[in-house]
Amino acid sequence: CKDINYGSEENVFSTESCKLFPGQPVCSGRGACVCGKCVCHKTKLGKVYGRYCEIDDFACPYHHGNLCSGNGECEAGNCKCFSGWEGDRCQCPSSAKHCANSEGQICSGRGICKCGACECTDPRSFGALCEHCPSCSSACEENWNCVQCNVSNLSSTTNDQCKTSCLNQMYYTDRVSEATNLRPVELQLFLRYFCFFVSE
């Protein structure tokens, strides 16, 4: 640019043109105003850029040691998330697919999906997808296949499937006496949270 008389009014105007807003530091305090334009300072922390040196790639929140969780870019101190991510740290998937069960229900219809994880709103339910709800009215019907796993003659393959899919839902007892040996409080808990099939 042309030589500038640093005491002139012209230079005052050129300095003002290097401010994002009136009253703010020249070039956001991170650069020099040269001929009415900001030249951003170099820093070991990362890149400073933008018309007013207002943007950088390091002054944003971290998540698990990664800037913007590795799922976005840092702009002016805020994470700008890539497609498919959201949250102030871009730590949350924007899709609810991680909260859907095999039937496509979000949190098994008993919760809401927050940041890619289910938050059960039905106090009776539990599990990663709020899939377990033994005291719900339809619990016995929903888990009847698991009940049959224990009372039917099954092939080894089917038996292995039962152990895999029903392991956390079943409480096995061969004799009624085993259940009645429980203390009253324990028995109440079992009756509340588990379906019983009594086989003579």
N, C-alpha and C. Protein backbone atom coordinates (compact mmCIF):
# COMPACT_ATOMS: atom_id res chain seq x y z
N CYS A 1 0.84 -1.18 0.00
CA CYS A 1 0.00 0.00 0.00
C CYS A 1 0.89 1.24 0.00
N LYS A 2 0.25 2.38 -0.19
CA LYS A 2 1.00 3.63 -0.24
C LYS A 2 1.53 3.97 1.14
N ASP A 3 2.55 4.81 1.17
CA ASP A 3 3.09 5.26 2.46
C ASP A 3 2.01 5.97 3.25
N ILE A 4 1.97 5.71 4.55
CA ILE A 4 0.92 6.27 5.39
C ILE A 4 1.54 7.18 6.43
N ASN A 5 0.97 8.34 6.60
CA ASN A 5 1.36 9.23 7.67
C ASN A 5 0.64 8.76 8.93
N TYR A 6 1.37 8.16 9.85
CA TYR A 6 0.74 7.51 10.99
C TYR A 6 -0.01 8.48 11.91
N GLY A 7 0.21 9.79 11.71
CA GLY A 7 -0.52 10.75 12.53
C GLY A 7 -1.74 11.28 11.82
N SER A 8 -2.03 10.81 10.63
CA SER A 8 -3.13 11.35 9.86
C SER A 8 -4.44 10.67 10.19
N GLU A 9 -5.54 11.34 9.82
CA GLU A 9 -6.88 10.81 10.04
C GLU A 9 -7.11 9.58 9.18
N GLU A 10 -6.42 9.56 8.02
CA GLU A 10 -6.58 8.43 7.10
C GLU A 10 -6.17 7.13 7.77
N ASN A 11 -5.08 7.18 8.55
CA ASN A 11 -4.62 5.97 9.23
C ASN A 11 -5.60 5.53 10.33
N VAL A 12 -6.27 6.48 10.96
CA VAL A 12 -7.28 6.16 11.98
C VAL A 12 -8.39 5.35 11.34
N PHE A 13 -8.83 5.78 10.16
CA PHE A 13 -9.89 5.06 9.47
C PHE A 13 -9.44 3.66 9.06
N SER A 14 -8.16 3.55 8.64
CA SER A 14 -7.67 2.25 8.22
C SER A 14 -7.58 1.30 9.42
N THR A 15 -7.27 1.83 10.59
CA THR A 15 -7.22 1.01 11.79
C THR A 15 -8.61 0.54 12.19
N GLU A 16 -9.59 1.43 12.08
CA GLU A 16 -10.97 1.07 12.40
C GLU A 16 -11.47 -0.05 11.48
N SER A 17 -10.96 -0.06 10.27
CA SER A 17 -11.40 -1.11 9.34
C SER A 17 -10.84 -2.48 9.72
N CYS A 18 -9.93 -2.50 10.69
CA CYS A 18 -9.36 -3.77 11.15
C CYS A 18 -10.02 -4.26 12.44
N LYS A 19 -11.13 -3.63 12.83
CA LYS A 19 -11.85 -4.03 14.03
C LYS A 19 -13.16 -4.71 13.65
N LEU A 20 -13.41 -5.85 14.29
CA LEU A 20 -14.65 -6.59 14.00
C LEU A 20 -15.85 -5.74 14.37
N PHE A 21 -15.78 -5.07 15.54
CA PHE A 21 -16.82 -4.15 15.98
C PHE A 21 -16.14 -2.92 16.57
N PRO A 22 -16.79 -1.78 16.50
CA PRO A 22 -16.19 -0.56 17.10
C PRO A 22 -15.89 -0.78 18.58
N GLY A 23 -14.74 -0.32 19.00
CA GLY A 23 -14.37 -0.45 20.40
C GLY A 23 -13.62 -1.73 20.72
N GLN A 24 -13.60 -2.67 19.78
CA GLN A 24 -12.85 -3.91 20.00
C GLN A 24 -11.39 -3.72 19.61
N PRO A 25 -10.51 -4.63 20.10
CA PRO A 25 -9.09 -4.51 19.75
C PRO A 25 -8.87 -4.66 18.25
N VAL A 26 -7.84 -4.00 17.77
CA VAL A 26 -7.47 -4.12 16.37
C VAL A 26 -7.12 -5.58 16.07
N CYS A 27 -7.70 -6.10 15.02
CA CYS A 27 -7.45 -7.49 14.59
C CYS A 27 -7.64 -8.47 15.75
N SER A 28 -8.66 -8.19 16.57
CA SER A 28 -9.03 -9.05 17.71
C SER A 28 -7.88 -9.23 18.70
N GLY A 29 -6.88 -8.33 18.63
CA GLY A 29 -5.74 -8.44 19.53
C GLY A 29 -4.78 -9.54 19.14
N ARG A 30 -4.98 -10.09 17.95
CA ARG A 30 -4.15 -11.24 17.54
C ARG A 30 -3.51 -11.02 16.17
N GLY A 31 -3.36 -9.75 15.81
CA GLY A 31 -2.76 -9.45 14.52
C GLY A 31 -2.42 -7.98 14.42
N ALA A 32 -1.87 -7.59 13.28
CA ALA A 32 -1.51 -6.19 13.02
C ALA A 32 -2.30 -5.69 11.83
N CYS A 33 -2.68 -4.41 11.91
CA CYS A 33 -3.43 -3.80 10.81
C CYS A 33 -2.45 -3.18 9.83
N VAL A 34 -2.39 -3.71 8.65
CA VAL A 34 -1.48 -3.24 7.62
C VAL A 34 -2.29 -2.80 6.42
N CYS A 35 -2.25 -1.52 6.15
CA CYS A 35 -2.98 -0.96 5.02
C CYS A 35 -4.47 -1.28 5.08
N GLY A 36 -5.02 -1.23 6.29
CA GLY A 36 -6.46 -1.44 6.45
C GLY A 36 -6.88 -2.90 6.48
N LYS A 37 -5.89 -3.79 6.49
CA LYS A 37 -6.22 -5.22 6.53
C LYS A 37 -5.41 -5.90 7.63
N CYS A 38 -6.02 -6.92 8.23
CA CYS A 38 -5.35 -7.63 9.33
C CYS A 38 -4.35 -8.66 8.81
N VAL A 39 -3.19 -8.66 9.44
CA VAL A 39 -2.21 -9.71 9.21
C VAL A 39 -2.07 -10.44 10.55
N CYS A 40 -2.57 -11.66 10.60
CA CYS A 40 -2.66 -12.39 11.86
C CYS A 40 -1.29 -12.88 12.34
N HIS A 41 -1.14 -12.83 13.66
CA HIS A 41 0.10 -13.32 14.26
C HIS A 41 0.18 -14.83 14.14
N LYS A 42 1.41 -15.31 14.08
CA LYS A 42 1.62 -16.76 14.11
C LYS A 42 1.72 -17.21 15.56
N THR A 43 1.25 -18.41 15.84
CA THR A 43 1.30 -18.93 17.19
C THR A 43 1.58 -20.42 17.16
N LYS A 44 2.23 -20.89 18.22
CA LYS A 44 2.53 -22.32 18.30
C LYS A 44 1.29 -23.15 18.65
N LEU A 45 0.26 -22.47 19.14
CA LEU A 45 -0.95 -23.19 19.54
C LEU A 45 -1.74 -23.72 18.36
N GLY A 46 -1.69 -22.99 17.26
CA GLY A 46 -2.45 -23.40 16.09
C GLY A 46 -2.58 -22.25 15.11
N LYS A 47 -3.58 -22.31 14.29
CA LYS A 47 -3.77 -21.33 13.24
C LYS A 47 -4.75 -20.24 13.67
N VAL A 48 -4.35 -18.97 13.43
CA VAL A 48 -5.24 -17.83 13.64
C VAL A 48 -5.55 -17.24 12.28
N TYR A 49 -6.81 -17.04 11.99
CA TYR A 49 -7.16 -16.56 10.67
C TYR A 49 -8.50 -15.82 10.72
N GLY A 50 -8.98 -15.42 9.57
CA GLY A 50 -10.20 -14.63 9.47
C GLY A 50 -9.89 -13.19 9.13
N ARG A 51 -10.88 -12.48 8.63
CA ARG A 51 -10.68 -11.08 8.21
C ARG A 51 -10.18 -10.23 9.36
N TYR A 52 -10.63 -10.54 10.58
CA TYR A 52 -10.22 -9.78 11.75
C TYR A 52 -9.41 -10.64 12.73
N CYS A 53 -8.84 -11.72 12.24
CA CYS A 53 -8.09 -12.67 13.07
C CYS A 53 -8.95 -13.18 14.22
N GLU A 54 -10.23 -13.31 13.96
CA GLU A 54 -11.19 -13.70 15.01
C GLU A 54 -11.40 -15.21 15.10
N ILE A 55 -10.80 -15.93 14.18
CA ILE A 55 -11.01 -17.38 14.12
C ILE A 55 -9.70 -18.11 14.42
N ASP A 56 -9.81 -19.22 15.13
CA ASP A 56 -8.62 -20.06 15.33
C ASP A 56 -9.04 -21.51 15.38
N ASP A 57 -8.06 -22.38 15.42
CA ASP A 57 -8.35 -23.81 15.43
C ASP A 57 -7.89 -24.48 16.72
N PHE A 58 -7.86 -23.70 17.83
CA PHE A 58 -7.38 -24.32 19.07
C PHE A 58 -8.13 -23.88 20.33
N ALA A 59 -8.88 -22.78 20.29
CA ALA A 59 -9.52 -22.26 21.50
C ALA A 59 -10.95 -22.75 21.65
N CYS A 60 -11.18 -24.03 21.39
CA CYS A 60 -12.50 -24.63 21.52
C CYS A 60 -12.46 -25.75 22.57
N PRO A 61 -13.61 -26.15 23.07
CA PRO A 61 -13.62 -27.21 24.08
C PRO A 61 -13.15 -28.55 23.52
N TYR A 62 -12.52 -29.31 24.40
CA TYR A 62 -12.03 -30.65 24.06
C TYR A 62 -12.97 -31.70 24.66
N HIS A 63 -12.98 -32.86 24.06
CA HIS A 63 -13.75 -34.00 24.58
C HIS A 63 -12.92 -35.25 24.39
N HIS A 64 -12.61 -35.92 25.51
CA HIS A 64 -11.75 -37.11 25.48
C HIS A 64 -10.42 -36.80 24.81
N GLY A 65 -9.90 -35.60 25.07
CA GLY A 65 -8.59 -35.24 24.57
C GLY A 65 -8.55 -34.75 23.14
N ASN A 66 -9.70 -34.67 22.49
CA ASN A 66 -9.74 -34.23 21.10
C ASN A 66 -10.50 -32.92 20.96
N LEU A 67 -9.94 -31.99 20.21
CA LEU A 67 -10.59 -30.73 19.95
C LEU A 67 -11.90 -30.99 19.20
N CYS A 68 -12.99 -30.49 19.75
CA CYS A 68 -14.32 -30.71 19.16
C CYS A 68 -14.57 -32.19 18.91
N SER A 69 -14.03 -33.02 19.79
CA SER A 69 -14.19 -34.47 19.74
C SER A 69 -13.64 -35.10 18.46
N GLY A 70 -12.96 -34.29 17.67
CA GLY A 70 -12.48 -34.80 16.38
C GLY A 70 -13.59 -34.86 15.35
N ASN A 71 -14.77 -34.31 15.71
CA ASN A 71 -15.94 -34.37 14.82
C ASN A 71 -16.36 -33.00 14.33
N GLY A 72 -15.45 -32.03 14.40
CA GLY A 72 -15.79 -30.69 13.95
C GLY A 72 -14.56 -29.82 13.87
N GLU A 73 -14.78 -28.55 13.49
CA GLU A 73 -13.69 -27.59 13.38
C GLU A 73 -13.94 -26.44 14.35
N CYS A 74 -12.86 -25.85 14.81
CA CYS A 74 -12.93 -24.75 15.76
C CYS A 74 -12.98 -23.43 15.01
N GLU A 75 -14.03 -22.65 15.26
CA GLU A 75 -14.16 -21.34 14.65
C GLU A 75 -14.60 -20.34 15.71
N ALA A 76 -13.79 -19.33 15.92
CA ALA A 76 -14.09 -18.25 16.86
C ALA A 76 -14.47 -18.77 18.24
N GLY A 77 -13.80 -19.82 18.67
CA GLY A 77 -14.04 -20.35 20.01
C GLY A 77 -15.20 -21.30 20.11
N ASN A 78 -15.86 -21.58 19.01
CA ASN A 78 -17.00 -22.50 19.00
C ASN A 78 -16.77 -23.63 18.03
N CYS A 79 -17.21 -24.81 18.40
CA CYS A 79 -17.08 -25.96 17.52
C CYS A 79 -18.15 -25.93 16.43
N LYS A 80 -17.73 -26.05 15.22
CA LYS A 80 -18.64 -26.18 14.08
C LYS A 80 -18.61 -27.65 13.67
N CYS A 81 -19.69 -28.35 13.97
CA CYS A 81 -19.70 -29.81 13.83
C CYS A 81 -19.82 -30.25 12.38
N PHE A 82 -19.17 -31.37 12.10
CA PHE A 82 -19.33 -32.00 10.80
C PHE A 82 -20.73 -32.60 10.73
N SER A 83 -21.14 -32.92 9.53
CA SER A 83 -22.46 -33.54 9.33
C SER A 83 -22.56 -34.84 10.14
N GLY A 84 -23.68 -34.98 10.84
CA GLY A 84 -23.91 -36.19 11.63
C GLY A 84 -23.55 -36.05 13.09
N TRP A 85 -23.06 -34.86 13.48
CA TRP A 85 -22.66 -34.63 14.87
C TRP A 85 -23.24 -33.33 15.39
N GLU A 86 -23.43 -33.27 16.72
CA GLU A 86 -23.95 -32.06 17.34
C GLU A 86 -23.45 -31.97 18.78
N GLY A 87 -23.80 -30.88 19.45
CA GLY A 87 -23.33 -30.66 20.82
C GLY A 87 -22.25 -29.60 20.84
N ASP A 88 -22.02 -28.99 22.00
CA ASP A 88 -21.04 -27.92 22.08
C ASP A 88 -19.62 -28.41 21.83
N ARG A 89 -19.41 -29.72 21.95
CA ARG A 89 -18.10 -30.32 21.66
C ARG A 89 -18.17 -31.27 20.48
N CYS A 90 -19.31 -31.24 19.77
CA CYS A 90 -19.55 -32.17 18.65
C CYS A 90 -19.41 -33.61 19.12
N GLN A 91 -19.79 -33.85 20.37
CA GLN A 91 -19.62 -35.17 20.97
C GLN A 91 -20.84 -36.08 20.80
N CYS A 92 -21.92 -35.54 20.26
CA CYS A 92 -23.16 -36.32 20.17
C CYS A 92 -23.54 -36.62 18.72
N PRO A 93 -23.82 -37.88 18.40
CA PRO A 93 -24.33 -38.17 17.06
C PRO A 93 -25.71 -37.57 16.91
N SER A 94 -25.97 -36.95 15.77
CA SER A 94 -27.28 -36.32 15.56
C SER A 94 -28.35 -37.33 15.20
N SER A 95 -27.93 -38.51 14.79
CA SER A 95 -28.88 -39.57 14.47
C SER A 95 -29.23 -40.36 15.73
N ALA A 96 -30.47 -40.84 15.78
CA ALA A 96 -30.92 -41.63 16.93
C ALA A 96 -30.78 -43.13 16.67
N LYS A 97 -30.03 -43.50 15.63
CA LYS A 97 -29.93 -44.92 15.27
C LYS A 97 -29.30 -45.75 16.38
N HIS A 98 -28.43 -45.15 17.18
CA HIS A 98 -27.79 -45.89 18.27
C HIS A 98 -28.77 -46.18 19.41
N CYS A 99 -29.92 -45.52 19.37
CA CYS A 99 -30.93 -45.71 20.42
C CYS A 99 -32.08 -46.59 19.96
N ALA A 100 -32.01 -47.09 18.74
CA ALA A 100 -33.12 -47.89 18.21
C ALA A 100 -32.91 -49.38 18.48
N ASN A 101 -34.00 -50.05 18.87
CA ASN A 101 -33.92 -51.50 19.08
C ASN A 101 -34.11 -52.21 17.75
N SER A 102 -34.16 -53.53 17.79
CA SER A 102 -34.25 -54.32 16.55
C SER A 102 -35.54 -54.05 15.78
N GLU A 103 -36.55 -53.52 16.46
CA GLU A 103 -37.82 -53.21 15.81
C GLU A 103 -37.90 -51.76 15.36
N GLY A 104 -36.82 -51.02 15.57
CA GLY A 104 -36.79 -49.63 15.14
C GLY A 104 -37.34 -48.65 16.15
N GLN A 105 -37.76 -49.15 17.31
CA GLN A 105 -38.28 -48.26 18.35
C GLN A 105 -37.14 -47.53 19.04
N ILE A 106 -37.34 -46.24 19.29
CA ILE A 106 -36.34 -45.47 20.01
C ILE A 106 -36.46 -45.77 21.50
N CYS A 107 -35.39 -46.28 22.06
CA CYS A 107 -35.34 -46.61 23.50
C CYS A 107 -36.51 -47.50 23.90
N SER A 108 -36.88 -48.40 23.00
CA SER A 108 -37.95 -49.37 23.24
C SER A 108 -39.27 -48.71 23.62
N GLY A 109 -39.42 -47.45 23.27
CA GLY A 109 -40.65 -46.73 23.58
C GLY A 109 -40.76 -46.34 25.05
N ARG A 110 -39.65 -46.47 25.79
CA ARG A 110 -39.69 -46.19 27.23
C ARG A 110 -38.67 -45.12 27.65
N GLY A 111 -38.16 -44.37 26.68
CA GLY A 111 -37.17 -43.36 27.01
C GLY A 111 -36.92 -42.41 25.85
N ILE A 112 -35.96 -41.54 26.03
CA ILE A 112 -35.58 -40.59 25.00
C ILE A 112 -34.10 -40.75 24.69
N CYS A 113 -33.75 -40.39 23.48
CA CYS A 113 -32.37 -40.53 23.04
C CYS A 113 -31.64 -39.20 23.24
N LYS A 114 -30.61 -39.23 24.07
CA LYS A 114 -29.81 -38.04 24.32
C LYS A 114 -28.34 -38.35 24.04
N CYS A 115 -27.80 -37.60 23.13
CA CYS A 115 -26.37 -37.74 22.81
C CYS A 115 -26.02 -39.18 22.45
N GLY A 116 -26.87 -39.83 21.68
CA GLY A 116 -26.60 -41.18 21.21
C GLY A 116 -26.81 -42.27 22.23
N ALA A 117 -27.43 -41.94 23.37
CA ALA A 117 -27.68 -42.95 24.41
C ALA A 117 -29.09 -42.77 24.96
N CYS A 118 -29.67 -43.89 25.39
CA CYS A 118 -31.03 -43.84 25.91
C CYS A 118 -31.07 -43.35 27.34
N GLU A 119 -32.03 -42.52 27.61
CA GLU A 119 -32.32 -42.08 28.98
C GLU A 119 -33.75 -42.55 29.27
N CYS A 120 -33.84 -43.57 30.09
CA CYS A 120 -35.14 -44.19 30.36
C CYS A 120 -36.03 -43.24 31.15
N THR A 121 -37.22 -42.98 30.62
CA THR A 121 -38.19 -42.11 31.30
C THR A 121 -39.20 -42.92 32.10
N ASP A 122 -39.31 -44.20 31.79
CA ASP A 122 -40.17 -45.09 32.57
C ASP A 122 -39.31 -45.63 33.72
N PRO A 123 -39.62 -45.28 34.96
CA PRO A 123 -38.77 -45.69 36.08
C PRO A 123 -38.68 -47.20 36.27
N ARG A 124 -39.57 -47.95 35.63
CA ARG A 124 -39.54 -49.41 35.77
C ARG A 124 -38.58 -50.07 34.80
N SER A 125 -38.13 -49.31 33.82
CA SER A 125 -37.30 -49.90 32.76
C SER A 125 -35.82 -49.64 33.00
N PHE A 126 -35.00 -50.50 32.37
CA PHE A 126 -33.56 -50.34 32.46
C PHE A 126 -32.93 -51.04 31.26
N GLY A 127 -31.62 -50.88 31.12
CA GLY A 127 -30.92 -51.46 29.98
C GLY A 127 -30.46 -50.36 29.04
N ALA A 128 -29.50 -50.69 28.19
CA ALA A 128 -28.92 -49.71 27.27
C ALA A 128 -29.98 -49.10 26.36
N LEU A 129 -31.01 -49.89 26.03
CA LEU A 129 -32.09 -49.41 25.17
C LEU A 129 -33.42 -49.37 25.93
N CYS A 130 -33.34 -49.34 27.24
CA CYS A 130 -34.55 -49.37 28.10
C CYS A 130 -35.41 -50.58 27.77
N GLU A 131 -34.73 -51.65 27.33
CA GLU A 131 -35.45 -52.83 26.84
C GLU A 131 -35.98 -53.72 27.95
N HIS A 132 -35.43 -53.60 29.14
CA HIS A 132 -35.87 -54.46 30.23
C HIS A 132 -36.91 -53.73 31.08
N CYS A 133 -38.06 -54.34 31.20
CA CYS A 133 -39.11 -53.76 32.03
C CYS A 133 -39.97 -54.90 32.56
N PRO A 134 -39.42 -55.70 33.48
CA PRO A 134 -40.13 -56.88 33.97
C PRO A 134 -41.48 -56.60 34.61
N SER A 135 -41.64 -55.41 35.20
CA SER A 135 -42.91 -55.13 35.87
C SER A 135 -43.92 -54.43 34.97
N CYS A 136 -43.56 -54.22 33.71
CA CYS A 136 -44.54 -53.67 32.77
C CYS A 136 -45.62 -54.71 32.51
N SER A 137 -46.79 -54.27 32.14
CA SER A 137 -47.93 -55.17 32.02
C SER A 137 -47.71 -56.27 30.99
N SER A 138 -46.93 -55.96 29.96
CA SER A 138 -46.74 -56.95 28.89
C SER A 138 -45.40 -57.67 29.00
N ALA A 139 -44.73 -57.54 30.13
CA ALA A 139 -43.39 -58.10 30.26
C ALA A 139 -43.37 -59.61 30.07
N CYS A 140 -44.33 -60.31 30.68
CA CYS A 140 -44.34 -61.77 30.57
C CYS A 140 -44.57 -62.20 29.12
N GLU A 141 -45.50 -61.53 28.44
CA GLU A 141 -45.77 -61.88 27.04
C GLU A 141 -44.56 -61.59 26.16
N GLU A 142 -43.90 -60.44 26.41
CA GLU A 142 -42.75 -60.07 25.60
C GLU A 142 -41.60 -61.05 25.77
N ASN A 143 -41.48 -61.62 26.97
CA ASN A 143 -40.34 -62.48 27.27
C ASN A 143 -40.73 -63.96 27.37
N TRP A 144 -41.86 -64.30 26.79
CA TRP A 144 -42.32 -65.68 26.92
C TRP A 144 -41.35 -66.68 26.31
N ASN A 145 -40.69 -66.28 25.22
CA ASN A 145 -39.72 -67.18 24.60
C ASN A 145 -38.59 -67.52 25.57
N CYS A 146 -38.23 -66.54 26.39
CA CYS A 146 -37.18 -66.79 27.37
C CYS A 146 -37.68 -67.73 28.47
N VAL A 147 -38.94 -67.62 28.82
CA VAL A 147 -39.51 -68.53 29.81
C VAL A 147 -39.50 -69.95 29.26
N GLN A 148 -39.88 -70.11 28.01
CA GLN A 148 -39.91 -71.43 27.39
C GLN A 148 -38.52 -72.03 27.27
N CYS A 149 -37.52 -71.17 27.22
CA CYS A 149 -36.15 -71.68 27.17
C CYS A 149 -35.86 -72.60 28.35
N ASN A 150 -36.47 -72.34 29.47
CA ASN A 150 -36.16 -73.07 30.69
C ASN A 150 -37.05 -74.30 30.90
N VAL A 151 -38.19 -74.34 30.22
CA VAL A 151 -39.14 -75.41 30.50
C VAL A 151 -39.33 -76.38 29.35
N SER A 152 -38.66 -76.13 28.24
CA SER A 152 -38.83 -76.99 27.07
C SER A 152 -37.56 -77.78 26.79
N ASN A 153 -37.74 -78.90 26.11
CA ASN A 153 -36.58 -79.68 25.64
C ASN A 153 -36.06 -79.02 24.37
N LEU A 154 -34.86 -78.49 24.44
CA LEU A 154 -34.33 -77.70 23.33
C LEU A 154 -33.09 -78.34 22.75
N SER A 155 -32.85 -78.03 21.48
CA SER A 155 -31.61 -78.47 20.86
C SER A 155 -30.47 -77.66 21.45
N SER A 156 -29.25 -78.16 21.29
CA SER A 156 -28.10 -77.46 21.85
C SER A 156 -27.94 -76.06 21.25
N THR A 157 -28.26 -75.93 19.94
CA THR A 157 -28.15 -74.63 19.28
C THR A 157 -29.13 -73.64 19.87
N THR A 158 -30.39 -74.08 20.00
CA THR A 158 -31.42 -73.20 20.56
C THR A 158 -31.11 -72.87 22.01
N ASN A 159 -30.58 -73.86 22.72
CA ASN A 159 -30.24 -73.64 24.12
C ASN A 159 -29.15 -72.58 24.26
N ASP A 160 -28.17 -72.60 23.34
CA ASP A 160 -27.11 -71.59 23.36
C ASP A 160 -27.69 -70.20 23.08
N GLN A 161 -28.67 -70.14 22.16
CA GLN A 161 -29.31 -68.87 21.85
C GLN A 161 -30.07 -68.34 23.07
N CYS A 162 -30.68 -69.26 23.80
CA CYS A 162 -31.41 -68.87 25.00
C CYS A 162 -30.46 -68.27 26.02
N LYS A 163 -29.31 -68.88 26.18
CA LYS A 163 -28.34 -68.40 27.16
C LYS A 163 -27.80 -67.03 26.77
N THR A 164 -27.71 -66.82 25.45
CA THR A 164 -27.17 -65.55 24.98
C THR A 164 -28.19 -64.42 25.11
N SER A 165 -29.42 -64.66 24.64
CA SER A 165 -30.42 -63.59 24.59
C SER A 165 -31.23 -63.44 25.86
N CYS A 166 -31.26 -64.47 26.70
CA CYS A 166 -32.12 -64.42 27.88
C CYS A 166 -31.36 -64.48 29.19
N LEU A 167 -30.05 -64.48 29.12
CA LEU A 167 -29.25 -64.69 30.33
C LEU A 167 -29.56 -63.67 31.42
N ASN A 168 -29.73 -62.41 31.04
CA ASN A 168 -29.95 -61.36 32.04
C ASN A 168 -31.41 -61.19 32.42
N GLN A 169 -32.29 -61.98 31.81
CA GLN A 169 -33.71 -61.82 32.08
C GLN A 169 -34.29 -62.98 32.89
N MET A 170 -33.53 -64.05 33.06
CA MET A 170 -34.09 -65.26 33.67
C MET A 170 -33.51 -65.52 35.05
N TYR A 171 -34.38 -65.98 35.91
CA TYR A 171 -33.97 -66.48 37.22
C TYR A 171 -34.48 -67.91 37.30
N TYR A 172 -33.58 -68.88 37.34
CA TYR A 172 -33.96 -70.28 37.28
C TYR A 172 -34.06 -70.89 38.68
N THR A 173 -35.09 -71.65 38.89
CA THR A 173 -35.21 -72.41 40.13
C THR A 173 -35.89 -73.74 39.83
N ASP A 174 -35.34 -74.82 40.31
CA ASP A 174 -35.89 -76.15 40.06
C ASP A 174 -36.99 -76.50 41.06
N ARG A 175 -36.91 -75.93 42.23
CA ARG A 175 -37.90 -76.26 43.25
C ARG A 175 -38.49 -74.99 43.84
N VAL A 176 -39.74 -75.02 44.13
CA VAL A 176 -40.42 -73.87 44.72
C VAL A 176 -39.76 -73.48 46.03
N SER A 177 -39.22 -74.47 46.73
CA SER A 177 -38.59 -74.20 48.02
C SER A 177 -37.43 -73.23 47.90
N GLU A 178 -36.72 -73.26 46.74
CA GLU A 178 -35.59 -72.36 46.54
C GLU A 178 -36.05 -70.91 46.53
N ALA A 179 -37.23 -70.66 45.95
CA ALA A 179 -37.76 -69.30 45.90
C ALA A 179 -38.31 -68.89 47.26
N THR A 180 -38.95 -69.85 47.93
CA THR A 180 -39.56 -69.51 49.22
C THR A 180 -38.52 -69.33 50.31
N ASN A 181 -37.28 -69.77 50.05
CA ASN A 181 -36.22 -69.57 51.03
C ASN A 181 -35.73 -68.13 51.08
N LEU A 182 -36.15 -67.34 50.08
CA LEU A 182 -35.74 -65.95 50.06
C LEU A 182 -36.42 -65.20 51.19
N ARG A 183 -35.74 -64.19 51.68
CA ARG A 183 -36.34 -63.33 52.70
C ARG A 183 -37.50 -62.56 52.07
N PRO A 184 -38.47 -62.13 52.86
CA PRO A 184 -39.66 -61.44 52.33
C PRO A 184 -39.32 -60.28 51.40
N VAL A 185 -38.34 -59.47 51.79
CA VAL A 185 -37.98 -58.32 50.94
C VAL A 185 -37.42 -58.80 49.61
N GLU A 186 -36.55 -59.83 49.66
CA GLU A 186 -35.96 -60.36 48.42
C GLU A 186 -37.04 -60.95 47.53
N LEU A 187 -37.96 -61.66 48.13
CA LEU A 187 -39.04 -62.30 47.36
C LEU A 187 -39.91 -61.24 46.70
N GLN A 188 -40.19 -60.17 47.42
CA GLN A 188 -40.99 -59.10 46.85
C GLN A 188 -40.29 -58.48 45.64
N LEU A 189 -38.98 -58.33 45.75
CA LEU A 189 -38.23 -57.77 44.63
C LEU A 189 -38.28 -58.70 43.42
N PHE A 190 -38.14 -60.01 43.67
CA PHE A 190 -38.20 -60.96 42.57
C PHE A 190 -39.58 -60.96 41.91
N LEU A 191 -40.62 -60.93 42.73
CA LEU A 191 -41.98 -60.95 42.19
C LEU A 191 -42.27 -59.67 41.41
N ARG A 192 -41.67 -58.58 41.84
CA ARG A 192 -41.92 -57.30 41.18
C ARG A 192 -41.19 -57.20 39.85
N TYR A 193 -39.96 -57.67 39.82
CA TYR A 193 -39.13 -57.43 38.64
C TYR A 193 -38.96 -58.65 37.73
N PHE A 194 -39.51 -59.80 38.11
CA PHE A 194 -39.33 -60.99 37.30
C PHE A 194 -40.65 -61.73 37.10
N CYS A 195 -40.79 -62.37 35.95
CA CYS A 195 -41.94 -63.23 35.67
C CYS A 195 -41.55 -64.65 36.07
N PHE A 196 -42.46 -65.34 36.74
CA PHE A 196 -42.18 -66.70 37.18
C PHE A 196 -43.08 -67.69 36.42
N PHE A 197 -42.47 -68.80 36.00
CA PHE A 197 -43.21 -69.91 35.43
C PHE A 197 -42.94 -71.11 36.31
N VAL A 198 -43.98 -71.61 36.96
CA VAL A 198 -43.82 -72.71 37.90
C VAL A 198 -44.15 -74.01 37.18
N SER A 199 -43.19 -74.91 37.14
CA SER A 199 -43.38 -76.21 36.49
C SER A 199 -43.37 -77.30 37.57
N GLU A 200 -44.42 -78.12 37.58
CA GLU A 200 -44.50 -79.19 38.58
C GLU A 200 -43.75 -80.43 38.11
